[in-house]
Amino acid sequence: MKYKCTECGAGLSTHKVVLLVGEHDKKRSLFVFDARPGKYDFVVVDDIEVKPGSMWEFYCPVCWANLTTSYNKRLAKLEAVDEEGSRKVVFSKVAGEQSTFVLGGEELEAHGRDSLAYIDKKDE
C-alpha cells in the first residue's frame, strides 16, 4: 500500500513507512510511521518527547496541507493506493491512541484498541 496526500497527491510513503510532519506546542518534527494499518510504531526524527494523550497536527511535507479530517479534529486522513484501488485511511492524532480506519466504498476496516470510541462519535 502506498500513501498520498489528500490535497496535493504527493507520495508520502515507501513500502514500509509513512513520512509526515507533526507539530505540538510549537514543536515540529518529521514523523516516520509504520505503513501497515494497525501497527503503531513510529520514530520522531528530532529528540522531541511525544507525551501520551497529547494531540498533534500532521502536515504533508510537500504542500504543508493540514491533514485533519473535516468531521473530527482528533483524526487525520491520507489516501492509500494499492492493487485494489484508492481508499481513505483515517488515524488518531492523539499520542498513544491506537485507532486507524481504512475506508473504501461502503467497506470500513477498523484497527486498534481505541477505534470503537470513534464510531458514531461526534467531533469534540
C-alpha atoms as a PDB file:
ATOM      1  CA  MET A   1       0.000   0.000   0.000  1.00  0.00           C
ATOM      2  CA  LYS A   2       1.305   3.468  -0.910  1.00  0.00           C
ATOM      3  CA  TYR A   3       0.129   6.618   0.837  1.00  0.00           C
ATOM      4  CA  LYS A   4      -0.545  10.016  -0.726  1.00  0.00           C
ATOM      5  CA  CYS A   5      -1.517  13.475   0.465  1.00  0.00           C
ATOM      6  CA  THR A   6      -5.267  14.029   0.064  1.00  0.00           C
ATOM      7  CA  GLU A   7      -4.617  17.628  -1.050  1.00  0.00           C
ATOM      8  CA  CYS A   8      -1.679  17.565  -3.491  1.00  0.00           C
ATOM      9  CA  GLY A   9      -1.410  13.838  -4.273  1.00  0.00           C
ATOM     10  CA  ALA A  10       2.294  13.670  -3.351  1.00  0.00           C
ATOM     11  CA  GLY A  11       3.637  10.255  -2.364  1.00  0.00           C
ATOM     12  CA  LEU A  12       4.304  10.095   1.382  1.00  0.00           C
ATOM     13  CA  SER A  13       5.492   6.532   1.813  1.00  0.00           C
ATOM     14  CA  THR A  14       7.842   3.774   0.899  1.00  0.00           C
ATOM     15  CA  HIS A  15       6.648   0.187   1.161  1.00  0.00           C
ATOM     16  CA  LYS A  16       7.297   0.162   4.907  1.00  0.00           C
ATOM     17  CA  VAL A  17       6.981   3.707   6.291  1.00  0.00           C
ATOM     18  CA  VAL A  18       4.896   6.883   6.001  1.00  0.00           C
ATOM     19  CA  LEU A  19       6.558  10.299   6.432  1.00  0.00           C
ATOM     20  CA  LEU A  20       4.595  13.225   7.895  1.00  0.00           C
ATOM     21  CA  VAL A  21       5.406  16.473   9.666  1.00  0.00           C
ATOM     22  CA  GLY A  22       3.978  16.592  13.195  1.00  0.00           C
ATOM     23  CA  GLU A  23       3.504  19.679  15.359  1.00  0.00           C
ATOM     24  CA  HIS A  24       2.514  20.168  19.008  1.00  0.00           C
ATOM     25  CA  ASP A  25       3.100  23.150  21.331  1.00  0.00           C
ATOM     26  CA  LYS A  26       5.158  24.992  18.700  1.00  0.00           C
ATOM     27  CA  LYS A  27       7.468  21.981  18.333  1.00  0.00           C
ATOM     28  CA  ARG A  28       7.709  20.453  14.860  1.00  0.00           C
ATOM     29  CA  SER A  29       9.431  17.300  13.619  1.00  0.00           C
ATOM     30  CA  LEU A  30       9.373  14.661  10.922  1.00  0.00           C
ATOM     31  CA  PHE A  31       7.477  11.527  11.970  1.00  0.00           C
ATOM     32  CA  VAL A  32       8.205   8.124  10.451  1.00  0.00           C
ATOM     33  CA  PHE A  33       5.209   5.778  10.901  1.00  0.00           C
ATOM     34  CA  ASP A  34       4.859   2.070  10.201  1.00  0.00           C
ATOM     35  CA  ALA A  35       2.846   1.883   6.955  1.00  0.00           C
ATOM     36  CA  ARG A  36       0.778  -1.155   7.954  1.00  0.00           C
ATOM     37  CA  PRO A  37      -2.715  -0.298   9.262  1.00  0.00           C
ATOM     38  CA  GLY A  38      -2.984  -1.408  12.879  1.00  0.00           C
ATOM     39  CA  LYS A  39       0.747  -1.028  13.578  1.00  0.00           C
ATOM     40  CA  TYR A  40       1.541   1.899  15.831  1.00  0.00           C
ATOM     41  CA  ASP A  41       5.334   2.074  15.884  1.00  0.00           C
ATOM     42  CA  PHE A  42       6.839   5.432  14.928  1.00  0.00           C
ATOM     43  CA  VAL A  43      10.067   7.388  15.149  1.00  0.00           C
ATOM     44  CA  VAL A  44      10.428  11.142  15.621  1.00  0.00           C
ATOM     45  CA  VAL A  45      13.476  12.470  13.781  1.00  0.00           C
ATOM     46  CA  ASP A  46      14.289  15.150  16.400  1.00  0.00           C
ATOM     47  CA  ASP A  47      14.533  14.447  20.115  1.00  0.00           C
ATOM     48  CA  ILE A  48      11.018  15.730  20.785  1.00  0.00           C
ATOM     49  CA  GLU A  49       9.097  13.992  23.538  1.00  0.00           C
ATOM     50  CA  VAL A  50       5.722  12.653  22.415  1.00  0.00           C
ATOM     51  CA  LYS A  51       3.666  12.506  25.604  1.00  0.00           C
ATOM     52  CA  PRO A  52       0.708  10.093  25.750  1.00  0.00           C
ATOM     53  CA  GLY A  53      -2.558  11.989  25.363  1.00  0.00           C
ATOM     54  CA  SER A  54      -1.016  14.960  23.532  1.00  0.00           C
ATOM     55  CA  MET A  55      -2.742  15.869  20.284  1.00  0.00           C
ATOM     56  CA  TRP A  56      -0.548  16.531  17.241  1.00  0.00           C
ATOM     57  CA  GLU A  57      -1.277  18.286  13.990  1.00  0.00           C
ATOM     58  CA  PHE A  58       0.006  16.387  10.964  1.00  0.00           C
ATOM     59  CA  TYR A  59       1.002  18.044   7.698  1.00  0.00           C
ATOM     60  CA  CYS A  60       2.035  16.927   4.240  1.00  0.00           C
ATOM     61  CA  PRO A  61       5.803  17.528   3.992  1.00  0.00           C
ATOM     62  CA  VAL A  62       5.384  18.536   0.325  1.00  0.00           C
ATOM     63  CA  CYS A  63       2.471  21.036   0.244  1.00  0.00           C
ATOM     64  CA  TRP A  64       2.091  21.677   4.007  1.00  0.00           C
ATOM     65  CA  ALA A  65      -1.640  20.854   3.954  1.00  0.00           C
ATOM     66  CA  ASN A  66      -3.086  20.130   7.380  1.00  0.00           C
ATOM     67  CA  LEU A  67      -4.317  16.513   7.227  1.00  0.00           C
ATOM     68  CA  THR A  68      -7.051  16.870   9.881  1.00  0.00           C
ATOM     69  CA  THR A  69     -10.413  15.460   8.825  1.00  0.00           C
ATOM     70  CA  SER A  70     -13.357  17.821   8.416  1.00  0.00           C
ATOM     71  CA  TYR A  71     -15.580  15.694  10.673  1.00  0.00           C
ATOM     72  CA  ASN A  72     -13.373  15.137  13.743  1.00  0.00           C
ATOM     73  CA  LYS A  73     -10.451  17.311  14.856  1.00  0.00           C
ATOM     74  CA  ARG A  74      -8.844  14.299  16.590  1.00  0.00           C
ATOM     75  CA  LEU A  75      -8.401  12.408  13.296  1.00  0.00           C
ATOM     76  CA  ALA A  76      -6.148  12.876  10.256  1.00  0.00           C
ATOM     77  CA  LYS A  77      -6.508  11.454   6.747  1.00  0.00           C
ATOM     78  CA  LEU A  78      -4.386  10.109   3.901  1.00  0.00           C
ATOM     79  CA  GLU A  79      -5.139   8.429   0.586  1.00  0.00           C
ATOM     80  CA  ALA A  80      -3.997   4.814   0.254  1.00  0.00           C
ATOM     81  CA  VAL A  81      -3.444   3.189  -3.121  1.00  0.00           C
ATOM     82  CA  ASP A  82      -2.813  -0.485  -3.812  1.00  0.00           C
ATOM     83  CA  GLU A  83      -3.799  -3.138  -6.346  1.00  0.00           C
ATOM     84  CA  GLU A  84      -7.427  -2.889  -5.139  1.00  0.00           C
ATOM     85  CA  GLY A  85      -7.612   0.846  -5.929  1.00  0.00           C
ATOM     86  CA  SER A  86      -7.767   4.012  -3.858  1.00  0.00           C
ATOM     87  CA  ARG A  87      -9.063   4.195  -0.282  1.00  0.00           C
ATOM     88  CA  LYS A  88      -9.037   6.710   2.537  1.00  0.00           C
ATOM     89  CA  VAL A  89      -7.023   5.975   5.692  1.00  0.00           C
ATOM     90  CA  VAL A  90      -8.034   7.875   8.823  1.00  0.00           C
ATOM     91  CA  PHE A  91      -5.983   7.744  12.025  1.00  0.00           C
ATOM     92  CA  SER A  92      -5.903   9.271  15.502  1.00  0.00           C
ATOM     93  CA  LYS A  93      -3.741  12.337  16.082  1.00  0.00           C
ATOM     94  CA  VAL A  94      -3.650  11.662  19.845  1.00  0.00           C
ATOM     95  CA  ALA A  95      -0.352  10.172  21.028  1.00  0.00           C
ATOM     96  CA  GLY A  96      -0.802   6.694  22.466  1.00  0.00           C
ATOM     97  CA  GLU A  97      -4.254   6.213  20.969  1.00  0.00           C
ATOM     98  CA  GLN A  98      -4.468   3.221  18.662  1.00  0.00           C
ATOM     99  CA  SER A  99      -7.160   3.937  16.123  1.00  0.00           C
ATOM    100  CA  THR A 100      -6.966   3.562  12.339  1.00  0.00           C
ATOM    101  CA  PHE A 101      -9.719   3.214   9.745  1.00  0.00           C
ATOM    102  CA  VAL A 102      -9.433   2.121   6.129  1.00  0.00           C
ATOM    103  CA  LEU A 103     -12.463   3.256   4.111  1.00  0.00           C
ATOM    104  CA  GLY A 104     -13.168   2.029   0.610  1.00  0.00           C
ATOM    105  CA  GLY A 105     -16.609   2.338  -0.970  1.00  0.00           C
ATOM    106  CA  GLU A 106     -19.021   1.114   1.660  1.00  0.00           C
ATOM    107  CA  GLU A 107     -16.416  -1.003   3.479  1.00  0.00           C
ATOM    108  CA  LEU A 108     -14.817   0.049   6.759  1.00  0.00           C
ATOM    109  CA  GLU A 109     -11.833  -1.688   8.354  1.00  0.00           C
ATOM    110  CA  ALA A 110     -11.218  -0.604  11.957  1.00  0.00           C
ATOM    111  CA  HIS A 111      -7.810  -1.238  13.541  1.00  0.00           C
ATOM    112  CA  GLY A 112      -6.549  -0.615  17.074  1.00  0.00           C
ATOM    113  CA  ARG A 113      -7.849  -0.950  20.597  1.00  0.00           C
ATOM    114  CA  ASP A 114      -9.315   2.594  20.621  1.00  0.00           C
ATOM    115  CA  SER A 115     -11.079   2.554  17.257  1.00  0.00           C
ATOM    116  CA  LEU A 116     -14.556   1.756  18.570  1.00  0.00           C
ATOM    117  CA  ALA A 117     -14.587   5.037  20.517  1.00  0.00           C
ATOM    118  CA  TYR A 118     -14.728   6.914  17.189  1.00  0.00           C
ATOM    119  CA  ILE A 119     -17.547   5.018  15.523  1.00  0.00           C
ATOM    120  CA  ASP A 120     -20.710   7.180  15.544  1.00  0.00           C
ATOM    121  CA  LYS A 121     -18.964   9.748  17.773  1.00  0.00           C
ATOM    122  CA  LYS A 122     -19.386  13.448  17.123  1.00  0.00           C
ATOM    123  CA  ASP A 123     -16.452  15.852  16.964  1.00  0.00           C
ATOM    124  CA  GLU A 124     -15.368  17.246  20.304  1.00  0.00           C
END
